[in-house]
Amino acid sequence: MAQAVINLGEYEDRILTIIKGKFGFKNKSDAINFVIDKFDEEFIEPELKPEFVENLKKIKKEKGIRFKSIEELRKRVENA
């Protein structure tokens, strides 16, 4: 686990205190980790995540289904 000393402004410290209280975290470190996780989910593109790349590799290995026409595909989708 990495440790870091960070300097927060008064406003940022208040925000962390609010997050800590709202979500019931034991300390501000947990609040910071929560904020980082939320940032990761919303702002980092999925194609950059290793899990996404692994998922694509699995999908690429799967055997596809061939359709002779759009109508055949449409029937399969509508009956699913």
PDB file of N, CA and C in Angstrom:
ATOM      1  N   MET A   1       0.841  -1.172   0.000  1.00  0.00           N
ATOM      2  CA  MET A   1       0.000   0.000   0.000  1.00  0.00           C
ATOM      3  C   MET A   1       0.889   1.238   0.000  1.00  0.00           C
ATOM      4  N   ALA A   2       0.597   2.135  -0.896  1.00  0.00           N
ATOM      5  CA  ALA A   2       1.365   3.376  -0.982  1.00  0.00           C
ATOM      6  C   ALA A   2       0.836   4.376   0.033  1.00  0.00           C
ATOM      7  N   GLN A   3       1.734   5.179   0.544  1.00  0.00           N
ATOM      8  CA  GLN A   3       1.350   6.245   1.465  1.00  0.00           C
ATOM      9  C   GLN A   3       1.777   7.569   0.865  1.00  0.00           C
ATOM     10  N   ALA A   4       0.990   8.611   1.120  1.00  0.00           N
ATOM     11  CA  ALA A   4       1.310   9.924   0.574  1.00  0.00           C
ATOM     12  C   ALA A   4       0.928  10.999   1.581  1.00  0.00           C
ATOM     13  N   VAL A   5       1.722  12.008   1.631  1.00  0.00           N
ATOM     14  CA  VAL A   5       1.395  13.188   2.418  1.00  0.00           C
ATOM     15  C   VAL A   5       0.835  14.198   1.431  1.00  0.00           C
ATOM     16  N   ILE A   6      -0.385  14.674   1.706  1.00  0.00           N
ATOM     17  CA  ILE A   6      -1.009  15.616   0.778  1.00  0.00           C
ATOM     18  C   ILE A   6      -1.387  16.887   1.522  1.00  0.00           C
ATOM     19  N   ASN A   7      -1.358  17.976   0.805  1.00  0.00           N
ATOM     20  CA  ASN A   7      -1.768  19.264   1.364  1.00  0.00           C
ATOM     21  C   ASN A   7      -3.130  19.609   0.788  1.00  0.00           C
ATOM     22  N   LEU A   8      -4.098  19.801   1.675  1.00  0.00           N
ATOM     23  CA  LEU A   8      -5.448  20.135   1.251  1.00  0.00           C
ATOM     24  C   LEU A   8      -5.776  21.554   1.688  1.00  0.00           C
ATOM     25  N   GLY A   9      -6.519  22.216   0.853  1.00  0.00           N
ATOM     26  CA  GLY A   9      -7.042  23.513   1.247  1.00  0.00           C
ATOM     27  C   GLY A   9      -8.202  23.297   2.213  1.00  0.00           C
ATOM     28  N   GLU A  10      -8.651  24.388   2.820  1.00  0.00           N
ATOM     29  CA  GLU A  10      -9.744  24.300   3.797  1.00  0.00           C
ATOM     30  C   GLU A  10     -11.015  23.745   3.155  1.00  0.00           C
ATOM     31  N   TYR A  11     -11.304  24.198   1.940  1.00  0.00           N
ATOM     32  CA  TYR A  11     -12.504  23.741   1.241  1.00  0.00           C
ATOM     33  C   TYR A  11     -12.428  22.245   0.939  1.00  0.00           C
ATOM     34  N   GLU A  12     -11.295  21.790   0.427  1.00  0.00           N
ATOM     35  CA  GLU A  12     -11.121  20.376   0.092  1.00  0.00           C
ATOM     36  C   GLU A  12     -11.218  19.508   1.336  1.00  0.00           C
ATOM     37  N   ASP A  13     -10.673  20.003   2.446  1.00  0.00           N
ATOM     38  CA  ASP A  13     -10.756  19.263   3.704  1.00  0.00           C
ATOM     39  C   ASP A  13     -12.202  19.137   4.161  1.00  0.00           C
ATOM     40  N   ARG A  14     -12.965  20.208   3.989  1.00  0.00           N
ATOM     41  CA  ARG A  14     -14.390  20.147   4.365  1.00  0.00           C
ATOM     42  C   ARG A  14     -15.148  19.143   3.499  1.00  0.00           C
ATOM     43  N   ILE A  15     -14.839  19.129   2.216  1.00  0.00           N
ATOM     44  CA  ILE A  15     -15.491  18.188   1.301  1.00  0.00           C
ATOM     45  C   ILE A  15     -15.201  16.755   1.737  1.00  0.00           C
ATOM     46  N   LEU A  16     -13.933  16.467   2.041  1.00  0.00           N
ATOM     47  CA  LEU A  16     -13.575  15.113   2.496  1.00  0.00           C
ATOM     48  C   LEU A  16     -14.294  14.760   3.796  1.00  0.00           C
ATOM     49  N   THR A  17     -14.411  15.725   4.697  1.00  0.00           N
ATOM     50  CA  THR A  17     -15.111  15.488   5.961  1.00  0.00           C
ATOM     51  C   THR A  17     -16.584  15.162   5.703  1.00  0.00           C
ATOM     52  N   ILE A  18     -17.190  15.873   4.761  1.00  0.00           N
ATOM     53  CA  ILE A  18     -18.594  15.610   4.414  1.00  0.00           C
ATOM     54  C   ILE A  18     -18.744  14.216   3.816  1.00  0.00           C
ATOM     55  N   ILE A  19     -17.856  13.862   2.890  1.00  0.00           N
ATOM     56  CA  ILE A  19     -17.906  12.528   2.266  1.00  0.00           C
ATOM     57  C   ILE A  19     -17.703  11.454   3.331  1.00  0.00           C
ATOM     58  N   LYS A  20     -16.752  11.682   4.218  1.00  0.00           N
ATOM     59  CA  LYS A  20     -16.473  10.726   5.298  1.00  0.00           C
ATOM     60  C   LYS A  20     -17.723  10.491   6.145  1.00  0.00           C
ATOM     61  N   GLY A  21     -18.401  11.565   6.508  1.00  0.00           N
ATOM     62  CA  GLY A  21     -19.610  11.440   7.322  1.00  0.00           C
ATOM     63  C   GLY A  21     -20.780  10.854   6.565  1.00  0.00           C
ATOM     64  N   LYS A  22     -20.976  11.305   5.340  1.00  0.00           N
ATOM     65  CA  LYS A  22     -22.127  10.862   4.548  1.00  0.00           C
ATOM     66  C   LYS A  22     -22.092   9.366   4.273  1.00  0.00           C
ATOM     67  N   PHE A  23     -20.904   8.841   3.994  1.00  0.00           N
ATOM     68  CA  PHE A  23     -20.793   7.434   3.642  1.00  0.00           C
ATOM     69  C   PHE A  23     -20.298   6.563   4.797  1.00  0.00           C
ATOM     70  N   GLY A  24     -20.081   7.162   5.964  1.00  0.00           N
ATOM     71  CA  GLY A  24     -19.719   6.396   7.152  1.00  0.00           C
ATOM     72  C   GLY A  24     -18.316   5.827   7.137  1.00  0.00           C
ATOM     73  N   PHE A  25     -17.388   6.531   6.505  1.00  0.00           N
ATOM     74  CA  PHE A  25     -16.008   6.053   6.485  1.00  0.00           C
ATOM     75  C   PHE A  25     -15.342   6.303   7.825  1.00  0.00           C
ATOM     76  N   LYS A  26     -14.364   5.473   8.163  1.00  0.00           N
ATOM     77  CA  LYS A  26     -13.656   5.599   9.443  1.00  0.00           C
ATOM     78  C   LYS A  26     -12.676   6.753   9.448  1.00  0.00           C
ATOM     79  N   ASN A  27     -12.107   7.048   8.284  1.00  0.00           N
ATOM     80  CA  ASN A  27     -11.105   8.114   8.219  1.00  0.00           C
ATOM     81  C   ASN A  27     -11.126   8.770   6.843  1.00  0.00           C
ATOM     82  N   LYS A  28     -10.354   9.834   6.719  1.00  0.00           N
ATOM     83  CA  LYS A  28     -10.325  10.566   5.448  1.00  0.00           C
ATOM     84  C   LYS A  28      -9.621   9.785   4.359  1.00  0.00           C
ATOM     85  N   SER A  29      -8.747   8.879   4.742  1.00  0.00           N
ATOM     86  CA  SER A  29      -8.086   8.037   3.747  1.00  0.00           C
ATOM     87  C   SER A  29      -9.122   7.205   2.994  1.00  0.00           C
ATOM     88  N   ASP A  30     -10.090   6.656   3.729  1.00  0.00           N
ATOM     89  CA  ASP A  30     -11.166   5.901   3.078  1.00  0.00           C
ATOM     90  C   ASP A  30     -11.986   6.806   2.155  1.00  0.00           C
ATOM     91  N   ALA A  31     -12.209   8.050   2.584  1.00  0.00           N
ATOM     92  CA  ALA A  31     -12.959   9.009   1.764  1.00  0.00           C
ATOM     93  C   ALA A  31     -12.196   9.325   0.479  1.00  0.00           C
ATOM     94  N   ILE A  32     -10.888   9.496   0.590  1.00  0.00           N
ATOM     95  CA  ILE A  32     -10.076   9.777  -0.597  1.00  0.00           C
ATOM     96  C   ILE A  32     -10.119   8.588  -1.560  1.00  0.00           C
ATOM     97  N   ASN A  33     -10.003   7.375  -1.037  1.00  0.00           N
ATOM     98  CA  ASN A  33     -10.079   6.184  -1.884  1.00  0.00           C
ATOM     99  C   ASN A  33     -11.422   6.095  -2.595  1.00  0.00           C
ATOM    100  N   PHE A  34     -12.495   6.461  -1.886  1.00  0.00           N
ATOM    101  CA  PHE A  34     -13.831   6.462  -2.473  1.00  0.00           C
ATOM    102  C   PHE A  34     -13.904   7.455  -3.641  1.00  0.00           C
ATOM    103  N   VAL A  35     -13.381   8.651  -3.429  1.00  0.00           N
ATOM    104  CA  VAL A  35     -13.403   9.677  -4.476  1.00  0.00           C
ATOM    105  C   VAL A  35     -12.602   9.210  -5.683  1.00  0.00           C
ATOM    106  N   ILE A  36     -11.453   8.593  -5.439  1.00  0.00           N
ATOM    107  CA  ILE A  36     -10.628   8.093  -6.536  1.00  0.00           C
ATOM    108  C   ILE A  36     -11.374   7.003  -7.311  1.00  0.00           C
ATOM    109  N   ASP A  37     -12.051   6.099  -6.591  1.00  0.00           N
ATOM    110  CA  ASP A  37     -12.824   5.044  -7.268  1.00  0.00           C
ATOM    111  C   ASP A  37     -13.929   5.645  -8.127  1.00  0.00           C
ATOM    112  N   LYS A  38     -14.609   6.664  -7.616  1.00  0.00           N
ATOM    113  CA  LYS A  38     -15.672   7.317  -8.388  1.00  0.00           C
ATOM    114  C   LYS A  38     -15.084   7.999  -9.628  1.00  0.00           C
ATOM    115  N   PHE A  39     -13.945   8.633  -9.470  1.00  0.00           N
ATOM    116  CA  PHE A  39     -13.281   9.286 -10.595  1.00  0.00           C
ATOM    117  C   PHE A  39     -12.921   8.252 -11.647  1.00  0.00           C
ATOM    118  N   ASP A  40     -12.410   7.129 -11.194  1.00  0.00           N
ATOM    119  CA  ASP A  40     -12.030   6.046 -12.107  1.00  0.00           C
ATOM    120  C   ASP A  40     -13.234   5.573 -12.904  1.00  0.00           C
ATOM    121  N   GLU A  41     -14.350   5.358 -12.232  1.00  0.00           N
ATOM    122  CA  GLU A  41     -15.556   4.852 -12.902  1.00  0.00           C
ATOM    123  C   GLU A  41     -16.086   5.832 -13.940  1.00  0.00           C
ATOM    124  N   GLU A  42     -16.017   7.127 -13.649  1.00  0.00           N
ATOM    125  CA  GLU A  42     -16.669   8.109 -14.507  1.00  0.00           C
ATOM    126  C   GLU A  42     -15.765   8.719 -15.572  1.00  0.00           C
ATOM    127  N   PHE A  43     -14.464   8.797 -15.305  1.00  0.00           N
ATOM    128  CA  PHE A  43     -13.619   9.574 -16.201  1.00  0.00           C
ATOM    129  C   PHE A  43     -12.573   8.776 -16.963  1.00  0.00           C
ATOM    130  N   ILE A  44     -12.150   7.663 -16.457  1.00  0.00           N
ATOM    131  CA  ILE A  44     -11.159   6.884 -17.190  1.00  0.00           C
ATOM    132  C   ILE A  44     -11.895   6.022 -18.195  1.00  0.00           C
ATOM    133  N   GLU A  45     -11.468   6.081 -19.428  1.00  0.00           N
ATOM    134  CA  GLU A  45     -12.163   5.385 -20.502  1.00  0.00           C
ATOM    135  C   GLU A  45     -12.058   3.881 -20.318  1.00  0.00           C
ATOM    136  N   PRO A  46     -13.171   3.154 -20.540  1.00  0.00           N
ATOM    137  CA  PRO A  46     -13.156   1.707 -20.322  1.00  0.00           C
ATOM    138  C   PRO A  46     -12.124   0.966 -21.165  1.00  0.00           C
ATOM    139  N   GLU A  47     -11.831   1.462 -22.346  1.00  0.00           N
ATOM    140  CA  GLU A  47     -10.880   0.743 -23.182  1.00  0.00           C
ATOM    141  C   GLU A  47      -9.465   0.786 -22.621  1.00  0.00           C
ATOM    142  N   LEU A  48      -9.219   1.638 -21.641  1.00  0.00           N
ATOM    143  CA  LEU A  48      -7.903   1.704 -21.031  1.00  0.00           C
ATOM    144  C   LEU A  48      -7.785   0.764 -19.829  1.00  0.00           C
ATOM    145  N   LYS A  49      -8.901   0.260 -19.358  1.00  0.00           N
ATOM    146  CA  LYS A  49      -8.868  -0.616 -18.191  1.00  0.00           C
ATOM    147  C   LYS A  49      -8.456  -2.025 -18.613  1.00  0.00           C
ATOM    148  N   PRO A  50      -7.580  -2.655 -17.846  1.00  0.00           N
ATOM    149  CA  PRO A  50      -7.131  -4.014 -18.182  1.00  0.00           C
ATOM    150  C   PRO A  50      -8.274  -5.024 -18.254  1.00  0.00           C
ATOM    151  N   GLU A  51      -9.287  -4.870 -17.396  1.00  0.00           N
ATOM    152  CA  GLU A  51     -10.418  -5.804 -17.410  1.00  0.00           C
ATOM    153  C   GLU A  51     -11.152  -5.725 -18.746  1.00  0.00           C
ATOM    154  N   PHE A  52     -11.264  -4.526 -19.280  1.00  0.00           N
ATOM    155  CA  PHE A  52     -11.950  -4.327 -20.553  1.00  0.00           C
ATOM    156  C   PHE A  52     -11.184  -5.006 -21.689  1.00  0.00           C
ATOM    157  N   VAL A  53      -9.864  -4.856 -21.681  1.00  0.00           N
ATOM    158  CA  VAL A  53      -9.022  -5.478 -22.705  1.00  0.00           C
ATOM    159  C   VAL A  53      -9.134  -6.997 -22.633  1.00  0.00           C
ATOM    160  N   GLU A  54      -9.104  -7.559 -21.427  1.00  0.00           N
ATOM    161  CA  GLU A  54      -9.240  -9.008 -21.258  1.00  0.00           C
ATOM    162  C   GLU A  54     -10.595  -9.484 -21.764  1.00  0.00           C
ATOM    163  N   ASN A  55     -11.638  -8.714 -21.472  1.00  0.00           N
ATOM    164  CA  ASN A  55     -12.976  -9.067 -21.932  1.00  0.00           C
ATOM    165  C   ASN A  55     -13.036  -9.077 -23.455  1.00  0.00           C
ATOM    166  N   LEU A  56     -12.403  -8.101 -24.087  1.00  0.00           N
ATOM    167  CA  LEU A  56     -12.375  -8.062 -25.551  1.00  0.00           C
ATOM    168  C   LEU A  56     -11.640  -9.263 -26.131  1.00  0.00           C
ATOM    169  N   LYS A  57     -10.555  -9.670 -25.490  1.00  0.00           N
ATOM    170  CA  LYS A  57      -9.807 -10.831 -25.963  1.00  0.00           C
ATOM    171  C   LYS A  57     -10.663 -12.087 -25.899  1.00  0.00           C
ATOM    172  N   LYS A  58     -11.457 -12.230 -24.829  1.00  0.00           N
ATOM    173  CA  LYS A  58     -12.342 -13.393 -24.698  1.00  0.00           C
ATOM    174  C   LYS A  58     -13.407 -13.380 -25.790  1.00  0.00           C
ATOM    175  N   ILE A  59     -13.974 -12.211 -26.031  1.00  0.00           N
ATOM    176  CA  ILE A  59     -15.011 -12.089 -27.051  1.00  0.00           C
ATOM    177  C   ILE A  59     -14.438 -12.405 -28.432  1.00  0.00           C
ATOM    178  N   LYS A  60     -13.230 -11.960 -28.690  1.00  0.00           N
ATOM    179  CA  LYS A  60     -12.598 -12.200 -29.983  1.00  0.00           C
ATOM    180  C   LYS A  60     -12.395 -13.687 -30.253  1.00  0.00           C
ATOM    181  N   LYS A  61     -12.167 -14.472 -29.201  1.00  0.00           N
ATOM    182  CA  LYS A  61     -11.939 -15.908 -29.344  1.00  0.00           C
ATOM    183  C   LYS A  61     -13.241 -16.688 -29.568  1.00  0.00           C
ATOM    184  N   GLU A  62     -14.383 -16.080 -29.228  1.00  0.00           N
ATOM    185  CA  GLU A  62     -15.661 -16.773 -29.375  1.00  0.00           C
ATOM    186  C   GLU A  62     -16.008 -16.968 -30.852  1.00  0.00           C
ATOM    187  N   LYS A  63     -16.722 -18.052 -31.104  1.00  0.00           N
ATOM    188  CA  LYS A  63     -17.166 -18.321 -32.466  1.00  0.00           C
ATOM    189  C   LYS A  63     -18.415 -17.487 -32.744  1.00  0.00           C
ATOM    190  N   GLY A  64     -18.427 -16.824 -33.874  1.00  0.00           N
ATOM    191  CA  GLY A  64     -19.545 -15.973 -34.242  1.00  0.00           C
ATOM    192  C   GLY A  64     -20.679 -16.760 -34.872  1.00  0.00           C
ATOM    193  N   ILE A  65     -21.796 -16.099 -35.048  1.00  0.00           N
ATOM    194  CA  ILE A  65     -22.963 -16.691 -35.690  1.00  0.00           C
ATOM    195  C   ILE A  65     -23.138 -16.003 -37.040  1.00  0.00           C
ATOM    196  N   ARG A  66     -23.190 -16.779 -38.105  1.00  0.00           N
ATOM    197  CA  ARG A  66     -23.369 -16.215 -39.445  1.00  0.00           C
ATOM    198  C   ARG A  66     -24.858 -16.186 -39.800  1.00  0.00           C
ATOM    199  N   PHE A  67     -25.251 -15.118 -40.465  1.00  0.00           N
ATOM    200  CA  PHE A  67     -26.620 -14.956 -40.925  1.00  0.00           C
ATOM    201  C   PHE A  67     -26.605 -14.738 -42.425  1.00  0.00           C
ATOM    202  N   LYS A  68     -27.572 -15.328 -43.102  1.00  0.00           N
ATOM    203  CA  LYS A  68     -27.652 -15.201 -44.553  1.00  0.00           C
ATOM    204  C   LYS A  68     -28.298 -13.889 -44.962  1.00  0.00           C
ATOM    205  N   SER A  69     -29.107 -13.321 -44.045  1.00  0.00           N
ATOM    206  CA  SER A  69     -29.783 -12.072 -44.370  1.00  0.00           C
ATOM    207  C   SER A  69     -30.116 -11.317 -43.083  1.00  0.00           C
ATOM    208  N   ILE A  70     -30.493 -10.078 -43.297  1.00  0.00           N
ATOM    209  CA  ILE A  70     -30.906  -9.238 -42.174  1.00  0.00           C
ATOM    210  C   ILE A  70     -32.188  -9.797 -41.558  1.00  0.00           C
ATOM    211  N   GLU A  71     -33.045 -10.339 -42.382  1.00  0.00           N
ATOM    212  CA  GLU A  71     -34.302 -10.900 -41.890  1.00  0.00           C
ATOM    213  C   GLU A  71     -34.033 -12.065 -40.926  1.00  0.00           C
ATOM    214  N   GLU A  72     -33.053 -12.886 -41.263  1.00  0.00           N
ATOM    215  CA  GLU A  72     -32.702 -14.009 -40.403  1.00  0.00           C
ATOM    216  C   GLU A  72     -32.177 -13.501 -39.046  1.00  0.00           C
ATOM    217  N   LEU A  73     -31.378 -12.480 -39.084  1.00  0.00           N
ATOM    218  CA  LEU A  73     -30.877 -11.873 -37.854  1.00  0.00           C
ATOM    219  C   LEU A  73     -32.022 -11.273 -37.055  1.00  0.00           C
ATOM    220  N   ARG A  74     -32.894 -10.561 -37.744  1.00  0.00           N
ATOM    221  CA  ARG A  74     -34.030  -9.914 -37.079  1.00  0.00           C
ATOM    222  C   ARG A  74     -34.916 -10.943 -36.384  1.00  0.00           C
ATOM    223  N   LYS A  75     -35.175 -12.093 -37.041  1.00  0.00           N
ATOM    224  CA  LYS A  75     -35.990 -13.148 -36.433  1.00  0.00           C
ATOM    225  C   LYS A  75     -35.334 -13.665 -35.157  1.00  0.00           C
ATOM    226  N   ARG A  76     -34.022 -13.860 -35.216  1.00  0.00           N
ATOM    227  CA  ARG A  76     -33.307 -14.386 -34.042  1.00  0.00           C
ATOM    228  C   ARG A  76     -33.365 -13.382 -32.883  1.00  0.00           C
ATOM    229  N   VAL A  77     -33.167 -12.100 -33.179  1.00  0.00           N
ATOM    230  CA  VAL A  77     -33.175 -11.076 -32.143  1.00  0.00           C
ATOM    231  C   VAL A  77     -34.570 -10.923 -31.543  1.00  0.00           C
ATOM    232  N   GLU A  78     -35.587 -10.914 -32.384  1.00  0.00           N
ATOM    233  CA  GLU A  78     -36.955 -10.717 -31.894  1.00  0.00           C
ATOM    234  C   GLU A  78     -37.458 -11.910 -31.103  1.00  0.00           C
ATOM    235  N   ASN A  79     -36.952 -13.101 -31.367  1.00  0.00           N
ATOM    236  CA  ASN A  79     -37.395 -14.298 -30.638  1.00  0.00           C
ATOM    237  C   ASN A  79     -36.594 -14.514 -29.349  1.00  0.00           C
ATOM    238  N   ALA A  80     -35.545 -13.771 -29.161  1.00  0.00           N
ATOM    239  CA  ALA A  80     -34.710 -13.941 -27.959  1.00  0.00           C
ATOM    240  C   ALA A  80     -35.330 -13.363 -26.732  1.00  0.00           C
TER     241      ALA A  80
END
